[in-house]
N, C-alpha and C. Protein backbone atom coordinates (compact mmCIF):
# COMPACT_ATOMS: atom_id res chain seq x y z
N MET A 1 0.84 -1.18 0.00
CA MET A 1 0.00 0.00 0.00
C MET A 1 0.89 1.24 0.00
N THR A 2 0.63 2.16 -0.91
CA THR A 2 1.41 3.38 -1.03
C THR A 2 0.87 4.44 -0.08
N LYS A 3 1.76 5.01 0.69
CA LYS A 3 1.36 6.06 1.62
C LYS A 3 1.35 7.40 0.87
N VAL A 4 0.25 8.14 0.99
CA VAL A 4 0.12 9.44 0.33
C VAL A 4 0.81 10.49 1.18
N GLN A 5 1.74 11.20 0.58
CA GLN A 5 2.45 12.26 1.27
C GLN A 5 1.61 13.53 1.25
N PRO A 6 1.60 14.28 2.35
CA PRO A 6 0.82 15.52 2.35
C PRO A 6 1.43 16.55 1.39
N TRP A 7 0.57 17.35 0.79
CA TRP A 7 1.01 18.45 -0.06
C TRP A 7 1.32 19.63 0.84
N SER A 8 2.34 20.39 0.52
CA SER A 8 2.60 21.60 1.30
C SER A 8 3.20 22.68 0.39
N ALA A 9 3.07 23.89 0.86
CA ALA A 9 3.64 25.05 0.18
C ALA A 9 3.99 26.07 1.25
N GLU A 10 4.92 26.94 0.94
CA GLU A 10 5.26 28.01 1.87
C GLU A 10 4.76 29.34 1.31
N ILE A 11 4.31 30.18 2.22
CA ILE A 11 3.81 31.51 1.87
C ILE A 11 4.67 32.53 2.61
N ARG A 12 5.21 33.46 1.88
CA ARG A 12 6.04 34.51 2.49
C ARG A 12 5.17 35.38 3.39
N LEU A 13 5.63 35.61 4.60
CA LEU A 13 4.88 36.39 5.59
C LEU A 13 5.22 37.87 5.46
N VAL A 14 4.59 38.50 4.48
CA VAL A 14 4.77 39.93 4.25
C VAL A 14 3.44 40.49 3.78
N GLY A 15 3.10 41.66 4.31
CA GLY A 15 1.84 42.29 3.94
C GLY A 15 1.93 43.00 2.60
N ALA A 16 0.80 43.52 2.15
CA ALA A 16 0.72 44.16 0.84
C ALA A 16 1.61 45.40 0.72
N GLY A 17 1.95 46.02 1.84
CA GLY A 17 2.83 47.18 1.83
C GLY A 17 4.28 46.83 2.10
N GLY A 18 4.60 45.54 2.10
CA GLY A 18 5.97 45.09 2.36
C GLY A 18 6.28 44.94 3.84
N GLU A 19 5.28 45.13 4.69
CA GLU A 19 5.49 45.06 6.13
C GLU A 19 5.58 43.60 6.60
N PRO A 20 6.34 43.36 7.69
CA PRO A 20 6.47 42.00 8.21
C PRO A 20 5.18 41.52 8.85
N VAL A 21 4.99 40.20 8.86
CA VAL A 21 3.83 39.58 9.49
C VAL A 21 4.34 38.54 10.47
N ASP A 22 3.94 38.65 11.72
CA ASP A 22 4.31 37.68 12.74
C ASP A 22 3.20 36.63 12.81
N LEU A 23 3.48 35.44 12.29
CA LEU A 23 2.46 34.39 12.23
C LEU A 23 1.95 34.01 13.60
N GLN A 24 2.85 33.83 14.56
CA GLN A 24 2.43 33.41 15.89
C GLN A 24 1.49 34.44 16.52
N ARG A 25 1.85 35.71 16.44
CA ARG A 25 0.98 36.74 17.01
C ARG A 25 -0.34 36.81 16.27
N THR A 26 -0.32 36.61 14.97
CA THR A 26 -1.55 36.65 14.19
C THR A 26 -2.47 35.51 14.59
N LEU A 27 -1.93 34.30 14.71
CA LEU A 27 -2.76 33.15 15.06
C LEU A 27 -3.28 33.20 16.49
N LEU A 28 -2.49 33.73 17.41
CA LEU A 28 -2.85 33.68 18.82
C LEU A 28 -3.55 34.93 19.35
N SER A 29 -3.72 35.95 18.53
CA SER A 29 -4.20 37.21 19.07
C SER A 29 -5.71 37.38 19.09
N HIS A 30 -6.45 36.50 18.47
CA HIS A 30 -7.89 36.72 18.37
C HIS A 30 -8.66 35.44 18.68
N GLY A 31 -9.58 35.49 19.66
CA GLY A 31 -10.38 34.34 20.04
C GLY A 31 -11.29 33.84 18.93
N PHE A 32 -11.58 34.70 17.97
CA PHE A 32 -12.41 34.36 16.82
C PHE A 32 -11.94 33.08 16.13
N VAL A 33 -10.64 32.87 16.09
CA VAL A 33 -10.06 31.73 15.39
C VAL A 33 -10.37 30.40 16.09
N GLU A 34 -10.79 30.46 17.32
CA GLU A 34 -11.09 29.24 18.06
C GLU A 34 -12.50 28.71 17.80
N LEU A 35 -13.28 29.42 17.01
CA LEU A 35 -14.63 28.97 16.70
C LEU A 35 -14.62 28.03 15.49
N PRO A 36 -15.42 26.95 15.56
CA PRO A 36 -15.50 26.03 14.41
C PRO A 36 -15.96 26.76 13.16
N PRO A 37 -15.56 26.35 12.01
CA PRO A 37 -14.85 25.11 11.71
C PRO A 37 -13.33 25.23 11.79
N MET A 38 -12.81 26.33 12.34
CA MET A 38 -11.36 26.45 12.55
C MET A 38 -10.99 25.73 13.83
N ARG A 39 -9.73 25.29 13.88
CA ARG A 39 -9.23 24.65 15.10
C ARG A 39 -7.80 25.14 15.31
N LEU A 40 -7.54 25.71 16.46
CA LEU A 40 -6.24 26.29 16.78
C LEU A 40 -5.49 25.41 17.76
N ASP A 41 -4.25 25.11 17.44
CA ASP A 41 -3.35 24.45 18.38
C ASP A 41 -2.38 25.52 18.86
N GLU A 42 -2.60 26.01 20.07
CA GLU A 42 -1.81 27.12 20.59
C GLU A 42 -0.37 26.75 20.88
N ASP A 43 -0.07 25.49 21.10
CA ASP A 43 1.28 25.08 21.46
C ASP A 43 2.27 25.26 20.32
N VAL A 44 1.85 25.06 19.08
CA VAL A 44 2.80 25.09 17.96
C VAL A 44 3.11 26.52 17.49
N PRO A 45 2.26 27.43 17.17
CA PRO A 45 0.84 27.35 16.91
C PRO A 45 0.55 26.96 15.46
N THR A 46 -0.57 26.27 15.28
CA THR A 46 -1.05 25.94 13.94
C THR A 46 -2.56 26.16 13.91
N LEU A 47 -3.05 26.44 12.72
CA LEU A 47 -4.47 26.65 12.51
C LEU A 47 -4.95 25.67 11.47
N GLU A 48 -5.99 24.91 11.82
CA GLU A 48 -6.60 23.98 10.86
C GLU A 48 -7.91 24.60 10.41
N LEU A 49 -8.16 24.58 9.11
CA LEU A 49 -9.42 25.08 8.58
C LEU A 49 -9.74 24.40 7.27
N THR A 50 -10.99 24.45 6.91
CA THR A 50 -11.45 23.84 5.67
C THR A 50 -11.81 24.95 4.70
N LEU A 51 -11.27 24.83 3.49
CA LEU A 51 -11.48 25.83 2.45
C LEU A 51 -12.19 25.21 1.27
N ALA A 52 -13.07 25.96 0.65
CA ALA A 52 -13.69 25.53 -0.60
C ALA A 52 -12.91 26.16 -1.74
N VAL A 53 -12.36 25.30 -2.58
CA VAL A 53 -11.58 25.77 -3.73
C VAL A 53 -11.99 24.94 -4.94
N ASN A 54 -12.38 25.62 -6.00
CA ASN A 54 -12.81 24.96 -7.23
C ASN A 54 -13.93 23.94 -6.98
N GLY A 55 -14.84 24.29 -6.08
CA GLY A 55 -15.99 23.44 -5.81
C GLY A 55 -15.73 22.25 -4.91
N LYS A 56 -14.54 22.14 -4.35
CA LYS A 56 -14.22 21.03 -3.45
C LYS A 56 -13.67 21.55 -2.14
N ALA A 57 -13.99 20.84 -1.08
CA ALA A 57 -13.50 21.22 0.25
C ALA A 57 -12.15 20.56 0.51
N ARG A 58 -11.21 21.34 1.03
CA ARG A 58 -9.90 20.81 1.41
C ARG A 58 -9.58 21.30 2.82
N THR A 59 -9.23 20.38 3.69
CA THR A 59 -8.80 20.74 5.04
C THR A 59 -7.31 20.96 5.00
N ILE A 60 -6.89 22.11 5.50
CA ILE A 60 -5.48 22.46 5.49
C ILE A 60 -5.04 22.85 6.89
N GLU A 61 -3.75 22.94 7.05
CA GLU A 61 -3.15 23.40 8.30
C GLU A 61 -2.15 24.50 7.95
N ILE A 62 -2.22 25.59 8.69
CA ILE A 62 -1.28 26.70 8.53
C ILE A 62 -0.41 26.72 9.77
N GLY A 63 0.89 26.67 9.59
CA GLY A 63 1.82 26.70 10.71
C GLY A 63 3.13 27.34 10.30
N PRO A 64 4.07 27.37 11.21
CA PRO A 64 5.35 27.99 10.89
C PRO A 64 6.11 27.20 9.84
N GLY A 65 6.75 27.92 8.96
CA GLY A 65 7.66 27.35 7.97
C GLY A 65 9.06 27.82 8.27
N ARG A 66 9.87 27.92 7.25
CA ARG A 66 11.21 28.48 7.49
C ARG A 66 11.05 29.96 7.85
N ARG A 67 12.10 30.55 8.35
CA ARG A 67 12.04 31.93 8.85
C ARG A 67 11.41 32.87 7.80
N GLY A 68 10.36 33.60 8.22
CA GLY A 68 9.70 34.54 7.35
C GLY A 68 8.62 33.94 6.47
N TYR A 69 8.28 32.66 6.70
CA TYR A 69 7.29 31.97 5.88
C TYR A 69 6.33 31.18 6.76
N ALA A 70 5.13 30.98 6.24
CA ALA A 70 4.16 30.06 6.84
C ALA A 70 4.11 28.83 5.95
N ARG A 71 3.90 27.68 6.54
CA ARG A 71 3.75 26.44 5.78
C ARG A 71 2.29 26.05 5.77
N VAL A 72 1.78 25.79 4.57
CA VAL A 72 0.41 25.33 4.38
C VAL A 72 0.49 23.87 3.98
N THR A 73 -0.23 23.01 4.70
CA THR A 73 -0.18 21.57 4.44
C THR A 73 -1.60 21.04 4.26
N ALA A 74 -1.77 20.17 3.29
CA ALA A 74 -3.05 19.51 3.05
C ALA A 74 -2.80 18.01 2.95
N ARG A 75 -3.57 17.24 3.68
CA ARG A 75 -3.44 15.79 3.61
C ARG A 75 -4.16 15.27 2.37
N GLY A 76 -3.87 14.06 2.03
CA GLY A 76 -4.55 13.45 0.89
C GLY A 76 -3.82 13.69 -0.41
N ARG A 77 -4.51 13.42 -1.47
CA ARG A 77 -3.93 13.55 -2.80
C ARG A 77 -3.49 14.99 -3.07
N ALA A 78 -2.36 15.15 -3.70
CA ALA A 78 -1.86 16.48 -4.02
C ALA A 78 -2.85 17.19 -4.93
N PRO A 79 -3.10 18.46 -4.67
CA PRO A 79 -4.04 19.21 -5.51
C PRO A 79 -3.43 19.52 -6.88
N SER A 80 -4.29 19.79 -7.84
CA SER A 80 -3.82 20.25 -9.14
C SER A 80 -3.15 21.61 -8.95
N ALA A 81 -2.43 22.06 -9.95
CA ALA A 81 -1.76 23.36 -9.86
C ALA A 81 -2.78 24.48 -9.64
N ARG A 82 -3.93 24.38 -10.32
CA ARG A 82 -4.98 25.38 -10.17
C ARG A 82 -5.54 25.40 -8.75
N THR A 83 -5.80 24.22 -8.21
CA THR A 83 -6.31 24.12 -6.84
C THR A 83 -5.26 24.59 -5.84
N ALA A 84 -4.00 24.22 -6.06
CA ALA A 84 -2.92 24.66 -5.16
C ALA A 84 -2.82 26.18 -5.15
N ASP A 85 -2.92 26.81 -6.32
CA ASP A 85 -2.90 28.27 -6.39
C ASP A 85 -4.10 28.85 -5.65
N GLY A 86 -5.26 28.20 -5.77
CA GLY A 86 -6.46 28.65 -5.06
C GLY A 86 -6.31 28.53 -3.56
N LEU A 87 -5.71 27.43 -3.10
CA LEU A 87 -5.47 27.25 -1.67
C LEU A 87 -4.56 28.34 -1.13
N VAL A 88 -3.48 28.61 -1.83
CA VAL A 88 -2.54 29.65 -1.40
C VAL A 88 -3.24 31.01 -1.36
N ALA A 89 -4.03 31.32 -2.37
CA ALA A 89 -4.75 32.59 -2.40
C ALA A 89 -5.72 32.71 -1.23
N ARG A 90 -6.43 31.62 -0.92
CA ARG A 90 -7.38 31.64 0.19
C ARG A 90 -6.66 31.81 1.53
N VAL A 91 -5.50 31.16 1.70
CA VAL A 91 -4.73 31.31 2.93
C VAL A 91 -4.22 32.74 3.06
N ARG A 92 -3.76 33.33 1.97
CA ARG A 92 -3.32 34.73 2.01
C ARG A 92 -4.48 35.62 2.47
N HIS A 93 -5.71 35.31 2.02
CA HIS A 93 -6.88 36.07 2.45
C HIS A 93 -7.13 35.88 3.95
N VAL A 94 -7.13 34.64 4.41
CA VAL A 94 -7.38 34.34 5.83
C VAL A 94 -6.36 35.05 6.72
N LEU A 95 -5.10 35.07 6.30
CA LEU A 95 -4.04 35.74 7.09
C LEU A 95 -4.00 37.25 6.85
N ALA A 96 -4.87 37.75 5.99
CA ALA A 96 -4.95 39.18 5.65
C ALA A 96 -3.62 39.71 5.11
N LEU A 97 -2.93 38.89 4.35
CA LEU A 97 -1.66 39.33 3.76
C LEU A 97 -1.88 40.33 2.63
N ASP A 98 -3.11 40.45 2.17
CA ASP A 98 -3.43 41.42 1.12
C ASP A 98 -3.76 42.79 1.69
N GLU A 99 -3.69 42.94 3.01
CA GLU A 99 -3.93 44.22 3.67
C GLU A 99 -2.60 44.95 3.88
N ASP A 100 -2.56 46.23 3.56
CA ASP A 100 -1.37 47.06 3.74
C ASP A 100 -1.46 47.75 5.10
N LEU A 101 -0.65 47.31 6.05
CA LEU A 101 -0.63 47.92 7.38
C LEU A 101 0.58 48.82 7.59
N SER A 102 1.28 49.16 6.51
CA SER A 102 2.50 49.95 6.64
C SER A 102 2.23 51.33 7.27
N ASP A 103 1.11 51.97 6.94
CA ASP A 103 0.77 53.26 7.56
C ASP A 103 0.56 53.10 9.06
N PHE A 104 -0.10 52.03 9.46
CA PHE A 104 -0.32 51.75 10.88
C PHE A 104 1.02 51.55 11.59
N TYR A 105 1.91 50.75 10.99
CA TYR A 105 3.21 50.49 11.61
C TYR A 105 4.04 51.77 11.73
N GLU A 106 3.96 52.62 10.72
CA GLU A 106 4.67 53.90 10.77
C GLU A 106 4.13 54.77 11.89
N LEU A 107 2.82 54.77 12.06
CA LEU A 107 2.16 55.57 13.09
C LEU A 107 2.55 55.12 14.50
N VAL A 108 2.61 53.81 14.73
CA VAL A 108 2.88 53.31 16.09
C VAL A 108 4.37 53.14 16.40
N ALA A 109 5.22 53.21 15.40
CA ALA A 109 6.66 52.96 15.61
C ALA A 109 7.27 53.87 16.67
N GLY A 110 6.82 55.12 16.75
CA GLY A 110 7.38 56.06 17.72
C GLY A 110 6.68 56.07 19.06
N ASP A 111 5.65 55.29 19.22
CA ASP A 111 4.90 55.26 20.47
C ASP A 111 5.49 54.20 21.39
N PRO A 112 5.97 54.61 22.58
CA PRO A 112 6.61 53.65 23.48
C PRO A 112 5.72 52.48 23.91
N GLU A 113 4.41 52.70 23.96
CA GLU A 113 3.51 51.63 24.39
C GLU A 113 3.04 50.75 23.23
N LEU A 114 3.13 51.22 22.01
CA LEU A 114 2.63 50.47 20.87
C LEU A 114 3.69 50.04 19.87
N SER A 115 4.92 50.47 20.06
CA SER A 115 5.96 50.20 19.06
C SER A 115 6.19 48.71 18.84
N TRP A 116 5.88 47.88 19.82
CA TRP A 116 6.06 46.43 19.66
C TRP A 116 5.19 45.88 18.53
N THR A 117 4.08 46.56 18.23
CA THR A 117 3.20 46.07 17.17
C THR A 117 3.80 46.28 15.78
N ALA A 118 4.77 47.17 15.66
CA ALA A 118 5.34 47.51 14.36
C ALA A 118 6.24 46.41 13.79
N ILE A 119 6.40 45.32 14.52
CA ILE A 119 7.24 44.22 14.02
C ILE A 119 6.40 43.01 13.62
N GLY A 120 5.19 43.27 13.14
CA GLY A 120 4.39 42.19 12.58
C GLY A 120 3.09 41.87 13.28
N ALA A 121 2.75 42.61 14.33
CA ALA A 121 1.48 42.37 15.02
C ALA A 121 0.39 43.25 14.41
N GLY A 122 -0.81 43.13 14.93
CA GLY A 122 -1.89 44.00 14.51
C GLY A 122 -2.74 43.48 13.37
N ARG A 123 -2.40 42.35 12.83
CA ARG A 123 -3.15 41.77 11.72
C ARG A 123 -4.25 40.88 12.28
N MET A 124 -5.45 40.96 11.72
CA MET A 124 -6.57 40.14 12.19
C MET A 124 -6.86 39.04 11.18
N LEU A 125 -7.05 37.85 11.68
CA LEU A 125 -7.46 36.74 10.82
C LEU A 125 -8.87 36.97 10.32
N ARG A 126 -9.12 36.44 9.13
CA ARG A 126 -10.47 36.48 8.57
C ARG A 126 -10.89 35.06 8.25
N ALA A 127 -12.17 34.83 8.26
CA ALA A 127 -12.69 33.54 7.81
C ALA A 127 -12.52 33.47 6.29
N PRO A 128 -12.58 32.29 5.72
CA PRO A 128 -12.46 32.17 4.27
C PRO A 128 -13.59 32.87 3.51
N SER A 129 -14.73 33.12 4.16
CA SER A 129 -15.83 33.79 3.48
C SER A 129 -16.46 34.83 4.40
N VAL A 130 -17.09 35.82 3.79
CA VAL A 130 -17.80 36.85 4.55
C VAL A 130 -18.94 36.21 5.34
N PHE A 131 -19.61 35.24 4.76
CA PHE A 131 -20.70 34.55 5.44
C PHE A 131 -20.22 33.96 6.77
N GLU A 132 -19.08 33.28 6.75
CA GLU A 132 -18.55 32.69 7.98
C GLU A 132 -18.17 33.78 8.99
N ASP A 133 -17.60 34.88 8.53
CA ASP A 133 -17.29 36.00 9.43
C ASP A 133 -18.57 36.52 10.11
N VAL A 134 -19.63 36.66 9.34
CA VAL A 134 -20.90 37.17 9.89
C VAL A 134 -21.45 36.19 10.92
N ILE A 135 -21.48 34.92 10.58
CA ILE A 135 -22.02 33.90 11.50
C ILE A 135 -21.22 33.89 12.80
N LYS A 136 -19.91 33.96 12.72
CA LYS A 136 -19.09 33.95 13.93
C LYS A 136 -19.29 35.22 14.76
N THR A 137 -19.58 36.32 14.10
CA THR A 137 -19.81 37.58 14.82
C THR A 137 -21.13 37.54 15.58
N ILE A 138 -22.12 36.91 14.99
CA ILE A 138 -23.44 36.82 15.63
C ILE A 138 -23.32 35.90 16.82
């Protein structure tokens, strides 16, 4: 019996304005991520979630990769190139990597009480869909 190796990819942890993203602070900073269908392992930290891509559901895990990167892993058969690109795009959305927080970081950099956020904190996770965000808010 052939064992199926999990598919994985790395995503560079940088925001749309070139600002750094601290994965650990992002995953651990908001209780919202602990609501199903997401599952947070605070010890690593890793986030498990299910994404719909190209009409199919894929359960993935987001965790630390090499320095400056997050590793995205999916069990089961390796996705097609199109699906893999879709998974990466959805993870970038969930981690809000498409948001430019450079103005925020510039603003807080000189503040003695907030300057710690300028090294990658302050980013909020989003659900894969607006519908899920609304349901979790209610």
